[in-house]
Amino acid sequence: MPALMKKYAGLRRQVDAFSESESGTTFMEYTMIIALLSIATLAFFGQAIDTMKAVFTDISDKVDTAAS
C-alpha cells in the first residue's frame, strides 16, 4: 500500500472514531452553536455599521450646511 494511502487510512480511522464518540457529537454541537452565534453577530454589526455610517454622514452634512 503506498504511503499516501496508509496516511489516508489512518486519518480515516481517526475521523471515524471521532465521529462515533459522544465527545465528538458534543464538540460538533458546540461548534455549530458558535458558528451560528458568529453569523448572527456579524450580521448585527454589519447592520449597526451601516446605521452608524448613515448617522455620521447626516451629522457631517448638517455641519457642512451650517458652516456654509
N, C-alpha and C. Protein backbone atom coordinates (compact mmCIF):
# COMPACT_ATOMS: atom_id res chain seq x y z
N MET A 1 0.86 -1.18 0.00
CA MET A 1 0.00 0.00 0.00
C MET A 1 0.91 1.24 0.00
N PRO A 2 0.69 2.18 -0.91
CA PRO A 2 1.51 3.40 -0.96
C PRO A 2 1.41 4.19 0.34
N ALA A 3 2.42 5.00 0.59
CA ALA A 3 2.50 5.76 1.84
C ALA A 3 1.30 6.70 1.98
N LEU A 4 0.90 7.33 0.89
CA LEU A 4 -0.23 8.25 0.94
C LEU A 4 -1.52 7.53 1.33
N MET A 5 -1.70 6.32 0.82
CA MET A 5 -2.89 5.53 1.16
C MET A 5 -2.88 5.15 2.63
N LYS A 6 -1.68 4.84 3.18
CA LYS A 6 -1.58 4.50 4.59
C LYS A 6 -1.95 5.70 5.46
N LYS A 7 -1.47 6.88 5.07
CA LYS A 7 -1.81 8.09 5.82
C LYS A 7 -3.32 8.35 5.75
N TYR A 8 -3.89 8.17 4.55
CA TYR A 8 -5.32 8.38 4.37
C TYR A 8 -6.12 7.39 5.22
N ALA A 9 -5.69 6.14 5.24
CA ALA A 9 -6.39 5.11 6.02
C ALA A 9 -6.33 5.43 7.51
N GLY A 10 -5.17 5.89 7.98
CA GLY A 10 -5.04 6.27 9.39
C GLY A 10 -5.91 7.46 9.72
N LEU A 11 -5.93 8.43 8.84
CA LEU A 11 -6.77 9.61 9.04
C LEU A 11 -8.24 9.22 9.04
N ARG A 12 -8.60 8.34 8.14
CA ARG A 12 -9.99 7.88 8.05
C ARG A 12 -10.42 7.19 9.35
N ARG A 13 -9.53 6.36 9.90
CA ARG A 13 -9.84 5.69 11.18
C ARG A 13 -10.03 6.70 12.29
N GLN A 14 -9.20 7.73 12.33
CA GLN A 14 -9.32 8.76 13.36
C GLN A 14 -10.64 9.53 13.21
N VAL A 15 -11.00 9.87 11.99
CA VAL A 15 -12.26 10.59 11.75
C VAL A 15 -13.44 9.71 12.13
N ASP A 16 -13.40 8.46 11.77
CA ASP A 16 -14.49 7.55 12.14
C ASP A 16 -14.61 7.40 13.65
N ALA A 17 -13.50 7.25 14.33
CA ALA A 17 -13.53 7.12 15.79
C ALA A 17 -14.05 8.39 16.43
N PHE A 18 -13.64 9.54 15.90
CA PHE A 18 -14.09 10.82 16.44
C PHE A 18 -15.58 11.02 16.22
N SER A 19 -16.07 10.66 15.04
CA SER A 19 -17.48 10.87 14.73
C SER A 19 -18.40 9.92 15.50
N GLU A 20 -17.87 8.78 15.92
CA GLU A 20 -18.69 7.82 16.67
C GLU A 20 -18.70 8.08 18.16
N SER A 21 -17.77 8.87 18.67
CA SER A 21 -17.70 9.10 20.11
C SER A 21 -18.68 10.20 20.52
N GLU A 22 -19.12 10.16 21.77
CA GLU A 22 -20.03 11.18 22.30
C GLU A 22 -19.35 12.53 22.40
N SER A 23 -18.07 12.55 22.71
CA SER A 23 -17.37 13.83 22.82
C SER A 23 -17.33 14.52 21.46
N GLY A 24 -17.22 13.74 20.40
CA GLY A 24 -17.25 14.31 19.06
C GLY A 24 -18.59 14.95 18.76
N THR A 25 -19.67 14.31 19.20
CA THR A 25 -21.01 14.86 18.98
C THR A 25 -21.16 16.17 19.75
N THR A 26 -20.73 16.18 21.00
CA THR A 26 -20.82 17.39 21.80
C THR A 26 -19.98 18.49 21.18
N PHE A 27 -18.79 18.15 20.73
CA PHE A 27 -17.92 19.13 20.09
C PHE A 27 -18.59 19.73 18.86
N MET A 28 -19.21 18.89 18.06
CA MET A 28 -19.89 19.37 16.85
C MET A 28 -21.07 20.26 17.20
N GLU A 29 -21.81 19.92 18.25
CA GLU A 29 -22.94 20.76 18.66
C GLU A 29 -22.45 22.13 19.09
N TYR A 30 -21.41 22.16 19.89
CA TYR A 30 -20.87 23.44 20.33
C TYR A 30 -20.30 24.23 19.16
N THR A 31 -19.67 23.54 18.23
CA THR A 31 -19.13 24.22 17.06
C THR A 31 -20.24 24.86 16.24
N MET A 32 -21.35 24.15 16.07
CA MET A 32 -22.47 24.70 15.31
C MET A 32 -23.09 25.90 16.04
N ILE A 33 -23.20 25.81 17.36
CA ILE A 33 -23.75 26.94 18.12
C ILE A 33 -22.84 28.16 17.98
N ILE A 34 -21.53 27.95 18.09
CA ILE A 34 -20.59 29.06 17.95
C ILE A 34 -20.66 29.65 16.54
N ALA A 35 -20.78 28.80 15.54
CA ALA A 35 -20.87 29.28 14.16
C ALA A 35 -22.13 30.12 13.96
N LEU A 36 -23.26 29.66 14.48
CA LEU A 36 -24.50 30.42 14.34
C LEU A 36 -24.43 31.75 15.08
N LEU A 37 -23.86 31.74 16.28
CA LEU A 37 -23.70 32.99 17.02
C LEU A 37 -22.76 33.95 16.29
N SER A 38 -21.73 33.42 15.69
CA SER A 38 -20.79 34.26 14.93
C SER A 38 -21.49 34.91 13.74
N ILE A 39 -22.27 34.14 13.04
CA ILE A 39 -23.00 34.67 11.88
C ILE A 39 -23.99 35.75 12.32
N ALA A 40 -24.70 35.50 13.41
CA ALA A 40 -25.66 36.48 13.92
C ALA A 40 -24.95 37.76 14.37
N THR A 41 -23.80 37.60 15.01
CA THR A 41 -23.03 38.77 15.46
C THR A 41 -22.54 39.58 14.27
N LEU A 42 -22.01 38.90 13.25
CA LEU A 42 -21.55 39.61 12.07
C LEU A 42 -22.69 40.34 11.36
N ALA A 43 -23.84 39.70 11.29
CA ALA A 43 -24.99 40.34 10.67
C ALA A 43 -25.41 41.57 11.46
N PHE A 44 -25.41 41.47 12.79
CA PHE A 44 -25.79 42.60 13.63
C PHE A 44 -24.82 43.75 13.44
N PHE A 45 -23.50 43.46 13.51
CA PHE A 45 -22.53 44.52 13.38
C PHE A 45 -22.52 45.11 11.98
N GLY A 46 -22.80 44.30 10.98
CA GLY A 46 -22.91 44.83 9.62
C GLY A 46 -24.03 45.84 9.52
N GLN A 47 -25.16 45.52 10.13
CA GLN A 47 -26.30 46.44 10.14
C GLN A 47 -25.98 47.66 10.99
N ALA A 48 -25.34 47.48 12.13
CA ALA A 48 -25.00 48.59 13.01
C ALA A 48 -24.01 49.54 12.34
N ILE A 49 -23.05 49.00 11.61
CA ILE A 49 -22.08 49.84 10.91
C ILE A 49 -22.76 50.68 9.85
N ASP A 50 -23.69 50.08 9.11
CA ASP A 50 -24.43 50.84 8.10
C ASP A 50 -25.23 51.97 8.74
N THR A 51 -25.86 51.69 9.87
CA THR A 51 -26.64 52.70 10.57
C THR A 51 -25.74 53.81 11.09
N MET A 52 -24.61 53.45 11.69
CA MET A 52 -23.68 54.46 12.20
C MET A 52 -23.11 55.32 11.08
N LYS A 53 -22.82 54.69 9.95
CA LYS A 53 -22.31 55.43 8.80
C LYS A 53 -23.34 56.46 8.33
N ALA A 54 -24.62 56.07 8.30
CA ALA A 54 -25.68 56.99 7.90
C ALA A 54 -25.81 58.14 8.90
N VAL A 55 -25.71 57.84 10.18
CA VAL A 55 -25.81 58.89 11.21
C VAL A 55 -24.66 59.88 11.06
N PHE A 56 -23.44 59.39 10.93
CA PHE A 56 -22.29 60.29 10.81
C PHE A 56 -22.32 61.08 9.51
N THR A 57 -22.81 60.47 8.44
CA THR A 57 -22.95 61.21 7.18
C THR A 57 -23.97 62.33 7.35
N ASP A 58 -25.06 62.05 8.00
CA ASP A 58 -26.08 63.07 8.26
C ASP A 58 -25.52 64.21 9.11
N ILE A 59 -24.78 63.88 10.14
CA ILE A 59 -24.17 64.90 11.01
C ILE A 59 -23.17 65.74 10.21
N SER A 60 -22.36 65.07 9.39
CA SER A 60 -21.38 65.78 8.56
C SER A 60 -22.07 66.73 7.60
N ASP A 61 -23.16 66.28 6.98
CA ASP A 61 -23.90 67.14 6.05
C ASP A 61 -24.48 68.36 6.78
N LYS A 62 -24.99 68.15 7.97
CA LYS A 62 -25.56 69.27 8.73
C LYS A 62 -24.48 70.25 9.15
N VAL A 63 -23.30 69.74 9.54
CA VAL A 63 -22.19 70.63 9.90
C VAL A 63 -21.72 71.42 8.68
N ASP A 64 -21.62 70.76 7.54
CA ASP A 64 -21.22 71.45 6.31
C ASP A 64 -22.23 72.52 5.94
N THR A 65 -23.50 72.23 6.07
CA THR A 65 -24.55 73.21 5.75
C THR A 65 -24.49 74.39 6.71
N ALA A 66 -24.28 74.11 7.98
CA ALA A 66 -24.23 75.19 8.99
C ALA A 66 -22.98 76.04 8.81
N ALA A 67 -21.88 75.44 8.35
CA ALA A 67 -20.64 76.19 8.18
C ALA A 67 -20.67 77.05 6.91
N SER A 68 -21.55 76.73 6.00
CA SER A 68 -21.60 77.50 4.72
C SER A 68 -22.30 78.81 4.86
